[in-house]
Amino acid sequence: MEIKEKFIINIGRQLGSGGRLIGNRLAKAFNIRFYDKELIDLAVRESGIDKKFFEQNDEQKGFFGAVYNVLAPLSGGLYPYDNQLSQESLFKIQSDAIRKAAQESSCVFVGRCADYVLRDNPRCVNIFISANETDRIKRICKQKGITAHEAQKKITQGDEHRAAYYNYYSTNTWGAADTYHLCINSSVLGIEQTTELLKDFIIRKLNL
């Protein structure tokens, strides 16, 4: 699908809901860039700061428990931030990378508060994907090769980390319906049909 005017798809998701997979499928359907963990690599390239500091502050790592005020050389980078890194400065660097990527081309962003960072961009579609607990557990068990009990624990912790990250950096509420343009349970239609429904919604929302 060839679309000249740039647009952005932002996806929030429960752990194990298939949100990343759906986002990847949407990116392929629209032939646009896809960013999930790739955002960290983009921020590293833009700033010259060691990748481990972004990983410590990532939404999936329980960022409140990490050590933020660390002295780090900028490794030759020219980014205008102090060497005294804080969680806020790391988030700002990543946010600037998100804005730059959005200016350069159409893309899908998964997580990392991208919907909030790009809140002033009228060409965004903000989606939240959930799923039934049984499906989430089954998916995590398959992905990680762990027991259902371990998967349940990982799901609880993962959602807590994502909610804490999002609620800390934005003025919205993670997973709340009024935060997004559309919330959908991927268990109802399955991954493939959910992707198709979202594709149609995006086309209609943005008049593509």
Protein backbone atom coordinates (compact mmCIF):
# COMPACT_ATOMS: atom_id res chain seq x y z
CA MET A 1 0.00 0.00 0.00
CA GLU A 2 1.55 3.28 -1.18
CA ILE A 3 0.60 6.29 0.98
CA LYS A 4 2.36 9.61 0.47
CA GLU A 5 1.26 11.51 3.58
CA LYS A 6 3.09 10.32 6.70
CA PHE A 7 1.15 8.74 9.56
CA ILE A 8 1.89 6.98 12.84
CA ILE A 9 0.40 3.93 14.56
CA ASN A 10 1.03 3.79 18.32
CA ILE A 11 0.34 0.53 20.12
CA GLY A 12 0.03 -0.02 23.86
CA ARG A 13 -0.43 -3.62 24.95
CA GLN A 14 -0.74 -6.06 27.79
CA LEU A 15 2.10 -8.55 28.06
CA GLY A 16 1.21 -11.66 26.08
CA SER A 17 -1.64 -10.00 24.17
CA GLY A 18 0.10 -10.31 20.80
CA GLY A 19 0.42 -6.55 20.51
CA ARG A 20 3.96 -6.64 19.15
CA LEU A 21 3.01 -9.25 16.56
CA ILE A 22 -0.03 -7.26 15.49
CA GLY A 23 2.06 -4.09 15.27
CA ASN A 24 4.60 -5.88 13.10
CA ARG A 25 1.86 -7.18 10.82
CA LEU A 26 0.36 -3.69 10.50
CA ALA A 27 3.78 -2.28 9.60
CA LYS A 28 4.12 -4.88 6.85
CA ALA A 29 0.55 -4.31 5.63
CA PHE A 30 1.16 -0.58 5.24
CA ASN A 31 4.82 -1.04 4.21
CA ILE A 32 6.10 1.28 6.95
CA ARG A 33 8.83 1.19 9.61
CA PHE A 34 8.40 -0.78 12.83
CA TYR A 35 9.86 0.24 16.20
CA ASP A 36 9.72 -1.67 19.46
CA LYS A 37 13.08 -2.45 21.06
CA GLU A 38 14.51 -0.86 17.93
CA LEU A 39 13.75 2.49 19.59
CA ILE A 40 16.55 1.86 22.05
CA ASP A 41 19.01 1.31 19.20
CA LEU A 42 17.76 4.50 17.54
CA ALA A 43 18.25 6.50 20.77
CA VAL A 44 21.74 5.05 21.14
CA ARG A 45 22.68 6.11 17.60
CA GLU A 46 21.31 9.60 18.13
CA SER A 47 22.95 10.20 21.50
CA GLY A 48 26.10 8.08 21.58
CA ILE A 49 25.16 6.94 25.10
CA ASP A 50 25.79 3.34 26.12
CA LYS A 51 22.81 1.09 25.32
CA LYS A 52 22.72 -0.40 28.82
CA PHE A 53 21.46 2.86 30.34
CA PHE A 54 18.43 2.91 28.03
CA GLU A 55 17.78 -0.75 28.75
CA GLN A 56 17.82 -0.04 32.50
CA ASN A 57 15.16 2.62 32.00
CA ASP A 58 13.05 0.60 29.56
CA GLU A 59 9.34 0.06 30.21
CA GLN A 60 9.85 -3.71 30.40
CA LYS A 61 12.65 -3.68 32.99
CA GLY A 62 10.93 -2.36 36.09
CA PHE A 63 12.55 1.03 35.70
CA PHE A 64 11.73 2.27 39.20
CA GLY A 65 14.09 -0.34 40.60
CA ALA A 66 17.04 0.61 38.39
CA VAL A 67 19.91 2.93 39.21
CA TYR A 68 19.45 6.11 37.18
CA ASN A 69 21.95 8.68 38.33
CA VAL A 70 25.04 7.22 36.74
CA LEU A 71 28.13 8.85 35.33
CA ALA A 72 28.56 7.81 31.71
CA PRO A 73 30.83 9.09 28.94
CA LEU A 74 28.94 10.15 25.84
CA SER A 75 31.23 7.96 23.72
CA GLY A 76 31.87 10.74 21.27
CA GLY A 77 28.16 11.58 20.90
CA LEU A 78 27.17 15.21 20.44
CA TYR A 79 23.79 15.06 22.15
CA PRO A 80 23.22 18.16 24.34
CA TYR A 81 22.72 16.39 27.66
CA ASP A 82 24.80 16.30 30.82
CA ASN A 83 26.90 13.25 31.55
CA GLN A 84 24.93 12.92 34.77
CA LEU A 85 22.16 10.76 33.34
CA SER A 86 18.76 10.61 35.00
CA GLN A 87 15.65 8.66 34.06
CA GLU A 88 14.12 11.90 32.77
CA SER A 89 17.07 12.72 30.50
CA LEU A 90 17.09 9.19 29.10
CA PHE A 91 13.36 9.42 28.44
CA LYS A 92 13.84 12.79 26.74
CA ILE A 93 16.54 11.38 24.48
CA GLN A 94 14.31 8.46 23.54
CA SER A 95 11.35 10.83 23.01
CA ASP A 96 13.43 12.99 20.68
CA ALA A 97 14.36 9.85 18.74
CA ILE A 98 10.66 8.97 18.46
CA ARG A 99 9.80 12.44 17.17
CA LYS A 100 12.64 12.35 14.66
CA ALA A 101 11.59 8.93 13.35
CA ALA A 102 7.99 10.14 13.04
CA GLN A 103 9.12 13.18 11.05
CA GLU A 104 11.18 11.08 8.67
CA SER A 105 8.63 8.41 7.71
CA SER A 106 5.39 6.65 8.55
CA CYS A 107 5.89 4.01 11.23
CA VAL A 108 4.48 1.82 13.98
CA PHE A 109 5.65 2.43 17.55
CA VAL A 110 5.04 -0.23 20.19
CA GLY A 111 4.99 1.13 23.75
CA ARG A 112 7.54 3.60 25.16
CA CYS A 113 4.83 6.29 25.60
CA ALA A 114 5.02 7.06 21.89
CA ASP A 115 1.34 8.04 21.81
CA TYR A 116 1.98 10.63 24.52
CA VAL A 117 5.24 11.85 22.99
CA LEU A 118 3.42 12.39 19.67
CA ARG A 119 0.20 13.71 21.23
CA ASP A 120 0.31 16.88 19.10
CA ASN A 121 0.62 14.94 15.84
CA PRO A 122 -2.84 14.79 14.18
CA ARG A 123 -1.77 11.88 11.96
CA CYS A 124 -1.56 9.33 14.79
CA VAL A 125 -3.77 6.37 15.62
CA ASN A 126 -3.45 5.21 19.22
CA ILE A 127 -4.45 1.61 19.97
CA PHE A 128 -4.41 -0.56 23.09
CA ILE A 129 -4.40 -4.35 22.76
CA SER A 130 -5.47 -6.70 25.53
CA ALA A 131 -6.25 -10.43 25.57
CA ASN A 132 -7.85 -13.06 27.77
CA GLU A 133 -5.58 -14.27 30.56
CA THR A 134 -5.58 -17.87 29.34
CA ASP A 135 -4.39 -16.80 25.90
CA ARG A 136 -1.75 -14.55 27.38
CA ILE A 137 -0.40 -17.32 29.60
CA LYS A 138 -0.36 -19.77 26.70
CA ARG A 139 1.51 -17.31 24.49
CA ILE A 140 4.14 -16.50 27.13
CA CYS A 141 4.64 -20.19 27.93
CA LYS A 142 5.32 -20.86 24.25
CA GLN A 143 7.58 -17.85 23.79
CA LYS A 144 9.65 -18.30 26.94
CA GLY A 145 9.47 -22.07 27.44
CA ILE A 146 8.21 -21.65 31.01
CA THR A 147 5.39 -23.04 33.16
CA ALA A 148 1.93 -21.51 33.41
CA HIS A 149 2.69 -20.37 36.95
CA GLU A 150 5.89 -18.65 35.82
CA ALA A 151 4.04 -17.09 32.89
CA GLN A 152 1.34 -15.74 35.20
CA LYS A 153 3.97 -14.11 37.40
CA LYS A 154 5.76 -12.63 34.39
CA ILE A 155 2.48 -11.24 33.04
CA THR A 156 1.62 -9.57 36.35
CA GLN A 157 5.08 -8.03 36.69
CA GLY A 158 5.20 -7.02 33.02
CA ASP A 159 1.90 -5.18 33.16
CA GLU A 160 2.90 -3.47 36.40
CA HIS A 161 6.16 -2.26 34.84
CA ARG A 162 4.45 -0.99 31.70
CA ALA A 163 1.73 0.79 33.66
CA ALA A 164 4.26 2.37 36.04
CA TYR A 165 6.43 3.56 33.14
CA TYR A 166 3.51 4.99 31.16
CA ASN A 167 1.74 6.61 34.10
CA TYR A 168 4.99 8.17 35.32
CA TYR A 169 5.96 9.81 32.03
CA SER A 170 2.52 10.76 30.69
CA THR A 171 -0.57 12.53 31.98
CA ASN A 172 -2.75 9.68 30.72
CA THR A 173 -3.53 6.26 32.22
CA TRP A 174 -2.10 3.05 30.78
CA GLY A 175 -4.87 0.77 29.51
CA ALA A 176 -7.71 3.25 30.17
CA ALA A 177 -10.16 3.47 27.27
CA ASP A 178 -10.16 7.27 27.08
CA THR A 179 -6.38 7.28 26.58
CA TYR A 180 -6.64 5.62 23.14
CA HIS A 181 -8.63 5.87 19.92
CA LEU A 182 -9.43 2.16 20.08
CA CYS A 183 -9.03 -0.64 22.64
CA ILE A 184 -9.41 -4.22 21.46
CA ASN A 185 -9.21 -7.73 22.91
CA SER A 186 -7.16 -9.85 20.49
CA SER A 187 -8.65 -13.06 21.92
CA VAL A 188 -12.06 -12.28 20.39
CA LEU A 189 -11.04 -12.45 16.73
CA GLY A 190 -7.50 -13.83 16.94
CA ILE A 191 -4.29 -12.19 15.75
CA GLU A 192 -4.97 -12.29 12.00
CA GLN A 193 -8.52 -10.92 12.08
CA THR A 194 -7.65 -8.38 14.77
CA THR A 195 -4.91 -7.09 12.48
CA GLU A 196 -7.37 -6.81 9.59
CA LEU A 197 -9.93 -5.00 11.75
CA LEU A 198 -7.28 -2.54 12.96
CA LYS A 199 -6.03 -2.00 9.42
CA ASP A 200 -9.55 -1.04 8.33
CA PHE A 201 -9.97 1.23 11.37
CA ILE A 202 -6.67 3.02 10.63
CA ILE A 203 -7.63 3.54 6.99
CA ARG A 204 -10.96 5.03 8.03
CA LYS A 205 -9.54 7.11 10.89
CA LEU A 206 -6.87 8.73 8.72
CA ASN A 207 -8.81 8.73 5.43
CA LEU A 208 -6.00 6.80 3.74
